């Protein structure tokens, strides 16, 4: 046990000892093991996609949204709907 897990185990044992008043539960051994995880593998495609393609896609999406808003506002002003609604 290392780091946070060790501190957490000690605190839990102290709380159990305070509530039960006996060392019966605190003397039990705790068997902990790390959860298995897959090994880290560098992904070349994502290394290209994130720094290169994602900013371009976000910029294009922002440009299309702004262009649509400008087109809608301009069409409202040209047809006179803005004065009617106000």
C-alpha atoms as a PDB file:
ATOM      1  CA  UNK A   1       0.000   0.000   0.000  1.00  0.00           C
ATOM      2  CA  UNK A   2       1.325   3.391  -0.934  1.00  0.00           C
ATOM      3  CA  UNK A   3       0.264   7.000  -0.778  1.00  0.00           C
ATOM      4  CA  UNK A   4      -3.403   7.828  -0.498  1.00  0.00           C
ATOM      5  CA  UNK A   5      -4.588   4.222  -0.193  1.00  0.00           C
ATOM      6  CA  UNK A   6      -2.398   3.710   2.877  1.00  0.00           C
ATOM      7  CA  UNK A   7      -3.728   6.858   4.555  1.00  0.00           C
ATOM      8  CA  UNK A   8      -7.303   5.938   3.664  1.00  0.00           C
ATOM      9  CA  UNK A   9      -6.849   2.453   5.127  1.00  0.00           C
ATOM     10  CA  UNK A  10      -5.428   3.857   8.376  1.00  0.00           C
ATOM     11  CA  UNK A  11      -8.294   6.357   8.727  1.00  0.00           C
ATOM     12  CA  UNK A  12     -10.902   3.672   8.058  1.00  0.00           C
ATOM     13  CA  UNK A  13      -9.354   1.360  10.652  1.00  0.00           C
ATOM     14  CA  UNK A  14      -9.302   4.197  13.218  1.00  0.00           C
ATOM     15  CA  UNK A  15     -12.981   5.001  12.560  1.00  0.00           C
ATOM     16  CA  UNK A  16     -13.942   1.331  12.876  1.00  0.00           C
ATOM     17  CA  UNK A  17     -11.973   1.074  16.118  1.00  0.00           C
ATOM     18  CA  UNK A  18     -13.722   4.182  17.520  1.00  0.00           C
ATOM     19  CA  UNK A  19     -17.205   2.939  16.616  1.00  0.00           C
ATOM     20  CA  UNK A  20     -16.800  -0.684  17.657  1.00  0.00           C
ATOM     21  CA  UNK A  21     -14.420  -0.173  20.580  1.00  0.00           C
ATOM     22  CA  UNK A  22     -12.408  -3.269  19.727  1.00  0.00           C
ATOM     23  CA  UNK A  23      -9.367  -4.183  17.683  1.00  0.00           C
ATOM     24  CA  UNK A  24     -11.059  -7.225  16.199  1.00  0.00           C
ATOM     25  CA  UNK A  25     -11.767  -5.652  12.803  1.00  0.00           C
ATOM     26  CA  UNK A  26      -8.640  -3.511  12.676  1.00  0.00           C
ATOM     27  CA  UNK A  27      -6.290  -6.488  13.013  1.00  0.00           C
ATOM     28  CA  UNK A  28      -7.559  -8.108   9.818  1.00  0.00           C
ATOM     29  CA  UNK A  29      -5.093  -7.938   6.952  1.00  0.00           C
ATOM     30  CA  UNK A  30      -6.114  -6.019   3.883  1.00  0.00           C
ATOM     31  CA  UNK A  31      -5.229  -7.439   0.515  1.00  0.00           C
ATOM     32  CA  UNK A  32      -5.009  -4.747  -2.114  1.00  0.00           C
ATOM     33  CA  UNK A  33      -3.748  -4.997  -5.632  1.00  0.00           C
ATOM     34  CA  UNK A  34      -3.598  -2.650  -8.552  1.00  0.00           C
ATOM     35  CA  UNK A  35      -6.317  -2.826 -11.140  1.00  0.00           C
ATOM     36  CA  UNK A  36      -4.933  -4.171 -14.404  1.00  0.00           C
ATOM     37  CA  UNK A  37      -4.759  -1.658 -17.208  1.00  0.00           C
ATOM     38  CA  UNK A  38      -3.690  -1.814 -20.800  1.00  0.00           C
ATOM     39  CA  UNK A  39      -0.278  -0.540 -21.691  1.00  0.00           C
ATOM     40  CA  UNK A  40       0.114   2.914 -23.202  1.00  0.00           C
ATOM     41  CA  UNK A  41       0.406   2.919 -26.962  1.00  0.00           C
ATOM     42  CA  UNK A  42       1.140   6.101 -28.894  1.00  0.00           C
ATOM     43  CA  UNK A  43      -1.546   6.734 -31.494  1.00  0.00           C
ATOM     44  CA  UNK A  44      -0.068   8.394 -34.566  1.00  0.00           C
ATOM     45  CA  UNK A  45      -3.421   9.276 -36.129  1.00  0.00           C
ATOM     46  CA  UNK A  46      -4.677  11.092 -33.035  1.00  0.00           C
ATOM     47  CA  UNK A  47      -1.339  12.835 -32.756  1.00  0.00           C
ATOM     48  CA  UNK A  48      -2.084  14.309 -36.176  1.00  0.00           C
ATOM     49  CA  UNK A  49      -5.828  14.877 -35.743  1.00  0.00           C
ATOM     50  CA  UNK A  50      -5.803  16.865 -32.511  1.00  0.00           C
ATOM     51  CA  UNK A  51      -3.206  19.527 -33.295  1.00  0.00           C
ATOM     52  CA  UNK A  52      -3.995  19.912 -37.011  1.00  0.00           C
ATOM     53  CA  UNK A  53      -7.547  19.013 -37.945  1.00  0.00           C
ATOM     54  CA  UNK A  54      -9.564  19.867 -34.821  1.00  0.00           C
ATOM     55  CA  UNK A  55      -8.651  23.596 -34.818  1.00  0.00           C
ATOM     56  CA  UNK A  56      -9.544  23.867 -38.515  1.00  0.00           C
ATOM     57  CA  UNK A  57     -12.908  22.184 -37.999  1.00  0.00           C
ATOM     58  CA  UNK A  58     -13.694  24.390 -34.986  1.00  0.00           C
ATOM     59  CA  UNK A  59     -12.775  27.526 -36.941  1.00  0.00           C
ATOM     60  CA  UNK A  60     -14.973  26.525 -39.873  1.00  0.00           C
ATOM     61  CA  UNK A  61     -17.887  25.740 -37.556  1.00  0.00           C
ATOM     62  CA  UNK A  62     -17.517  29.151 -35.902  1.00  0.00           C
ATOM     63  CA  UNK A  63     -17.335  30.896 -39.296  1.00  0.00           C
ATOM     64  CA  UNK A  64     -20.497  29.180 -40.564  1.00  0.00           C
ATOM     65  CA  UNK A  65     -22.391  30.026 -37.361  1.00  0.00           C
ATOM     66  CA  UNK A  66     -21.380  33.698 -37.545  1.00  0.00           C
ATOM     67  CA  UNK A  67     -22.197  33.857 -41.271  1.00  0.00           C
ATOM     68  CA  UNK A  68     -25.659  32.403 -40.617  1.00  0.00           C
ATOM     69  CA  UNK A  69     -26.333  34.939 -37.858  1.00  0.00           C
ATOM     70  CA  UNK A  70     -25.218  37.831 -40.081  1.00  0.00           C
ATOM     71  CA  UNK A  71     -27.388  36.557 -42.956  1.00  0.00           C
ATOM     72  CA  UNK A  72     -30.432  36.273 -40.675  1.00  0.00           C
ATOM     73  CA  UNK A  73     -29.965  39.748 -39.178  1.00  0.00           C
ATOM     74  CA  UNK A  74     -29.438  41.268 -42.637  1.00  0.00           C
ATOM     75  CA  UNK A  75     -32.544  39.605 -44.053  1.00  0.00           C
ATOM     76  CA  UNK A  76     -34.621  40.859 -41.105  1.00  0.00           C
ATOM     77  CA  UNK A  77     -33.409  44.406 -41.701  1.00  0.00           C
ATOM     78  CA  UNK A  78     -33.997  44.210 -45.465  1.00  0.00           C
ATOM     79  CA  UNK A  79     -37.574  42.940 -45.119  1.00  0.00           C
ATOM     80  CA  UNK A  80     -38.413  45.340 -42.322  1.00  0.00           C
ATOM     81  CA  UNK A  81     -39.273  42.617 -39.793  1.00  0.00           C
ATOM     82  CA  UNK A  82     -36.972  44.170 -37.229  1.00  0.00           C
ATOM     83  CA  UNK A  83     -39.060  47.358 -37.068  1.00  0.00           C
ATOM     84  CA  UNK A  84     -42.326  45.368 -36.933  1.00  0.00           C
ATOM     85  CA  UNK A  85     -41.149  43.231 -34.004  1.00  0.00           C
ATOM     86  CA  UNK A  86     -39.713  46.135 -32.013  1.00  0.00           C
END
